Amino acid sequence: MGEYLTLLSFGDLGWSDEIAWGVLITVSLALATLPVGLFIGFMIALSKQSEEWTLRIAADIYTTIFRGLPELLTLFLVYFGLQIGIQQLLKAIGIDGSIEINTFFAGVIALALVFSSYASEVFLSAFRAIPAGQYEGGYALGLRHRLVMRMIVLPQLIRIALPGLANLWMILLKDTALVSAIGLTDILRQTGVAARVSKEAFLFFGIAFLLYFVLALMSSVVINRIEAQAKRGEQAR
């Protein structure tokens, strides 16, 4: 028992400080990815409803690609592909040098691409769930399209899309573990290093399990409160 307490202590003899840093990286990565993925997903959903057929086709191709590719493959393509692309671009303008993409940045981009491809379908379903009369009522009041979207459509859209987006957040939280494959010091990588060095794989991977479980539980509490608030607002209206 004393050996386990030493391994889980802070300082030179323990791994808790490294694991705590991994928790911070995991949470930061998920929170940084969320707004990027939501924005891209919303724009893709708007493109799928556009009257311009080229936008609709481009949006369909986007979602087909990133929903079809394994998340880990997308991560590798972004991480290594961006490095190669930037190096080739610099070489084309006469600059030689080795470029290494920041692993956190690559993780945000890759996870946002995957997240947005699924979020776009959630937003699209929410758009289609809003009756056309809501738009027509806004136009009848003399509101422009932008005001109709902001004052009438978006509040309803968020409420309808919230359950689906909450589910995607939980998936995103788990997918952050993939970034350990490119060297980002998240929960899984830190506990994996600790397991290899200490030869206590069950202990440290059990710690990783508990950490992800706690993060999921905390997310569920926050999500339930947001959904309850949205329902109260709807009942008030």
Protein backbone atom coordinates (compact mmCIF):
# COMPACT_ATOMS: atom_id res chain seq x y z
CA MET A 1 0.00 0.00 0.00
CA GLY A 2 2.84 2.38 0.83
CA GLU A 3 4.37 1.79 -2.58
CA TYR A 4 1.11 2.77 -4.30
CA LEU A 5 0.84 5.93 -2.21
CA THR A 6 4.37 6.85 -3.22
CA LEU A 7 3.59 6.29 -6.91
CA LEU A 8 0.48 8.47 -6.62
CA SER A 9 2.17 11.25 -4.69
CA PHE A 10 3.32 14.62 -5.99
CA GLY A 11 6.99 15.32 -6.52
CA ASP A 12 9.95 13.42 -7.89
CA LEU A 13 8.85 10.02 -6.57
CA GLY A 14 5.22 10.18 -7.67
CA TRP A 15 3.23 10.66 -10.83
CA SER A 16 0.31 12.78 -9.65
CA ASP A 17 1.77 16.05 -10.91
CA GLU A 18 2.27 14.60 -14.42
CA ILE A 19 -1.22 13.11 -14.41
CA ALA A 20 -2.72 16.41 -13.21
CA TRP A 21 -1.01 18.13 -16.13
CA GLY A 22 -2.52 15.50 -18.43
CA VAL A 23 -5.99 16.27 -17.06
CA LEU A 24 -5.45 19.97 -17.74
CA ILE A 25 -4.34 19.25 -21.31
CA THR A 26 -7.31 16.94 -21.93
CA VAL A 27 -9.86 19.45 -20.66
CA SER A 28 -8.18 22.36 -22.46
CA LEU A 29 -8.11 20.42 -25.72
CA ALA A 30 -11.80 19.54 -25.50
CA LEU A 31 -12.81 23.11 -24.58
CA ALA A 32 -10.67 24.58 -27.36
CA THR A 33 -12.11 22.18 -29.92
CA LEU A 34 -15.75 22.74 -28.97
CA PRO A 35 -16.31 26.31 -30.27
CA VAL A 36 -14.29 25.63 -33.44
CA GLY A 37 -16.27 22.47 -34.16
CA LEU A 38 -19.60 24.15 -33.41
CA PHE A 39 -18.85 27.08 -35.71
CA ILE A 40 -17.72 24.89 -38.60
CA GLY A 41 -20.64 22.51 -38.07
CA PHE A 42 -23.13 25.39 -38.08
CA MET A 43 -21.68 26.80 -41.30
CA ILE A 44 -21.78 23.35 -42.93
CA ALA A 45 -25.43 23.00 -41.91
CA LEU A 46 -26.21 26.39 -43.46
CA SER A 47 -24.40 25.31 -46.64
CA LYS A 48 -26.50 22.16 -46.83
CA GLN A 49 -29.60 24.34 -46.85
CA SER A 50 -28.24 26.81 -49.36
CA GLU A 51 -29.93 27.37 -52.69
CA GLU A 52 -26.47 27.23 -54.29
CA TRP A 53 -25.95 23.62 -55.38
CA THR A 54 -22.15 23.88 -55.24
CA LEU A 55 -22.30 24.71 -51.53
CA ARG A 56 -24.62 21.78 -50.87
CA ILE A 57 -22.34 19.35 -52.71
CA ALA A 58 -19.22 20.69 -50.98
CA ALA A 59 -20.90 20.35 -47.58
CA ASP A 60 -22.02 16.79 -48.36
CA ILE A 61 -18.49 15.84 -49.44
CA TYR A 62 -17.07 17.37 -46.26
CA THR A 63 -19.34 15.41 -43.94
CA THR A 64 -18.93 12.20 -45.93
CA ILE A 65 -15.14 12.40 -45.70
CA PHE A 66 -14.77 13.23 -42.02
CA ARG A 67 -17.58 10.98 -40.84
CA GLY A 68 -16.13 8.12 -42.86
CA LEU A 69 -12.46 8.43 -41.91
CA PRO A 70 -11.27 6.93 -38.62
CA GLU A 71 -10.56 9.71 -36.13
CA LEU A 72 -6.99 8.52 -35.62
CA LEU A 73 -6.31 8.64 -39.36
CA THR A 74 -7.71 12.17 -39.53
CA LEU A 75 -5.37 13.15 -36.71
CA PHE A 76 -2.34 11.71 -38.53
CA LEU A 77 -3.31 13.37 -41.81
CA VAL A 78 -3.66 16.76 -40.14
CA TYR A 79 -0.52 16.48 -38.03
CA PHE A 80 1.83 15.17 -40.70
CA GLY A 81 0.00 16.68 -43.67
CA LEU A 82 0.19 20.23 -42.32
CA GLN A 83 3.90 19.88 -41.73
CA ILE A 84 4.51 18.63 -45.26
CA GLY A 85 2.22 21.27 -46.75
CA ILE A 86 3.91 24.16 -44.93
CA GLN A 87 7.38 22.85 -45.81
CA GLN A 88 6.45 22.58 -49.48
CA LEU A 89 4.97 26.09 -49.41
CA LEU A 90 8.13 27.52 -47.83
CA LYS A 91 10.28 25.64 -50.32
CA ALA A 92 8.25 27.09 -53.17
CA ILE A 93 9.07 30.62 -52.03
CA GLY A 94 12.72 29.77 -51.52
CA ILE A 95 12.84 29.10 -47.78
CA ASP A 96 14.39 25.86 -46.59
CA GLY A 97 13.78 24.52 -43.11
CA SER A 98 12.12 21.89 -41.01
CA ILE A 99 8.67 22.74 -39.66
CA GLU A 100 7.02 20.92 -36.77
CA ILE A 101 3.34 21.56 -36.10
CA ASN A 102 2.31 22.07 -32.48
CA THR A 103 0.62 18.88 -31.31
CA PHE A 104 -2.09 20.75 -29.39
CA PHE A 105 -2.96 22.83 -32.46
CA ALA A 106 -3.05 19.72 -34.65
CA GLY A 107 -5.27 17.97 -32.13
CA VAL A 108 -7.73 20.87 -32.07
CA ILE A 109 -7.94 21.00 -35.87
CA ALA A 110 -8.32 17.24 -36.33
CA LEU A 111 -10.92 16.81 -33.60
CA ALA A 112 -12.81 19.91 -34.79
CA LEU A 113 -13.05 18.48 -38.31
CA VAL A 114 -14.55 15.25 -36.98
CA PHE A 115 -16.78 16.99 -34.43
CA SER A 116 -18.11 19.50 -36.97
CA SER A 117 -19.04 16.80 -39.49
CA TYR A 118 -21.38 15.24 -36.94
CA ALA A 119 -22.51 18.54 -35.44
CA SER A 120 -23.59 19.73 -38.89
CA GLU A 121 -26.10 16.88 -39.07
CA VAL A 122 -27.43 17.78 -35.62
CA PHE A 123 -27.85 21.42 -36.66
CA LEU A 124 -29.42 20.40 -39.96
CA SER A 125 -32.00 18.23 -38.20
CA ALA A 126 -32.74 21.10 -35.81
CA PHE A 127 -33.22 23.50 -38.73
CA ARG A 128 -35.68 21.10 -40.35
CA ALA A 129 -37.58 20.71 -37.08
CA ILE A 130 -38.41 24.42 -36.99
CA PRO A 131 -41.71 25.06 -38.82
CA ALA A 132 -41.60 27.30 -41.86
CA GLY A 133 -44.25 29.44 -40.21
CA GLN A 134 -41.65 30.69 -37.75
CA TYR A 135 -39.70 32.26 -40.59
CA GLU A 136 -42.84 33.58 -42.28
CA GLY A 137 -44.07 35.13 -39.03
CA GLY A 138 -40.79 36.99 -38.63
CA TYR A 139 -40.89 38.27 -42.19
CA ALA A 140 -44.51 39.35 -41.69
CA LEU A 141 -43.38 41.52 -38.79
CA GLY A 142 -40.96 43.26 -41.11
CA LEU A 143 -37.81 41.63 -39.77
CA ARG A 144 -34.90 41.05 -42.07
CA HIS A 145 -33.49 37.56 -42.57
CA ARG A 146 -30.59 38.20 -40.20
CA LEU A 147 -32.91 39.31 -37.39
CA VAL A 148 -35.26 36.40 -38.01
CA MET A 149 -32.33 34.01 -37.64
CA ARG A 150 -30.97 35.71 -34.52
CA MET A 151 -34.20 36.44 -32.65
CA ILE A 152 -36.52 33.63 -33.73
CA VAL A 153 -34.65 30.71 -35.25
CA LEU A 154 -31.42 30.48 -33.23
CA PRO A 155 -33.06 30.25 -29.75
CA GLN A 156 -35.22 27.37 -30.96
CA LEU A 157 -32.32 25.82 -32.87
CA ILE A 158 -30.11 25.68 -29.78
CA ARG A 159 -32.85 24.11 -27.68
CA ILE A 160 -33.61 21.44 -30.27
CA ALA A 161 -29.96 20.68 -31.05
CA LEU A 162 -28.80 20.64 -27.43
CA PRO A 163 -29.33 16.90 -26.69
CA GLY A 164 -27.47 15.87 -29.84
CA LEU A 165 -24.64 18.32 -29.21
CA ALA A 166 -24.36 17.14 -25.61
CA ASN A 167 -23.87 13.60 -26.87
CA LEU A 168 -21.18 14.81 -29.29
CA TRP A 169 -19.41 16.59 -26.42
CA MET A 170 -19.15 13.31 -24.54
CA ILE A 171 -17.71 11.65 -27.64
CA LEU A 172 -15.26 14.54 -28.08
CA LEU A 173 -14.11 14.15 -24.49
CA LYS A 174 -13.23 10.52 -25.17
CA ASP A 175 -11.64 11.25 -28.54
CA THR A 176 -9.10 13.54 -26.89
CA ALA A 177 -7.30 10.33 -25.85
CA LEU A 178 -6.26 9.88 -29.49
CA VAL A 179 -3.83 12.81 -29.32
CA SER A 180 -1.51 10.69 -27.20
CA ALA A 181 -0.56 9.02 -30.49
CA ILE A 182 1.17 12.21 -31.66
CA GLY A 183 2.88 12.89 -28.34
CA LEU A 184 0.51 15.33 -26.63
CA THR A 185 0.71 14.86 -22.88
CA ASP A 186 -2.94 14.13 -22.16
CA ILE A 187 -4.36 11.79 -19.52
CA LEU A 188 -3.79 8.61 -21.49
CA ARG A 189 -0.20 9.42 -22.44
CA GLN A 190 0.79 10.43 -18.93
CA THR A 191 -0.77 7.38 -17.33
CA GLY A 192 0.72 5.20 -20.06
CA VAL A 193 4.22 6.50 -19.36
CA ALA A 194 3.69 5.99 -15.64
CA ALA A 195 2.47 2.43 -16.26
CA ARG A 196 5.51 1.54 -18.36
CA VAL A 197 8.04 3.05 -15.97
CA SER A 198 6.51 1.70 -12.76
CA LYS A 199 5.33 -1.64 -14.19
CA GLU A 200 1.94 -0.96 -12.58
CA ALA A 201 -0.26 -0.90 -15.67
CA PHE A 202 -3.51 -1.80 -13.90
CA LEU A 203 -3.05 0.93 -11.31
CA PHE A 204 -2.38 3.77 -13.71
CA PHE A 205 -4.82 2.75 -16.41
CA GLY A 206 -7.36 2.39 -13.62
CA ILE A 207 -6.56 5.98 -12.64
CA ALA A 208 -7.13 7.02 -16.26
CA PHE A 209 -10.50 5.24 -16.20
CA LEU A 210 -11.52 7.08 -13.04
CA LEU A 211 -10.41 10.45 -14.42
CA TYR A 212 -12.39 10.05 -17.65
CA PHE A 213 -15.37 8.83 -15.62
CA VAL A 214 -15.22 11.89 -13.36
CA LEU A 215 -14.96 14.22 -16.37
CA ALA A 216 -17.94 12.50 -17.99
CA LEU A 217 -19.92 12.73 -14.76
CA MET A 218 -19.16 16.42 -14.35
CA SER A 219 -20.11 17.01 -17.99
CA SER A 220 -23.42 15.20 -17.47
CA VAL A 221 -24.24 17.41 -14.48
CA VAL A 222 -23.52 20.60 -16.44
CA ILE A 223 -25.42 19.36 -19.49
CA ASN A 224 -28.47 18.40 -17.41
CA ARG A 225 -28.55 21.87 -15.85
CA ILE A 226 -28.30 23.55 -19.25
CA GLU A 227 -31.09 21.36 -20.63
CA ALA A 228 -33.26 22.06 -17.58
CA GLN A 229 -32.69 25.80 -18.01
CA ALA A 230 -33.61 25.57 -21.69
CA LYS A 231 -36.81 23.68 -20.85
CA ARG A 232 -37.79 26.24 -18.22
CA GLY A 233 -37.28 29.00 -20.75
CA GLU A 234 -39.45 27.18 -23.26
CA GLN A 235 -42.21 26.59 -20.69
CA ALA A 236 -42.12 30.28 -19.74
CA ARG A 237 -42.68 31.24 -23.37
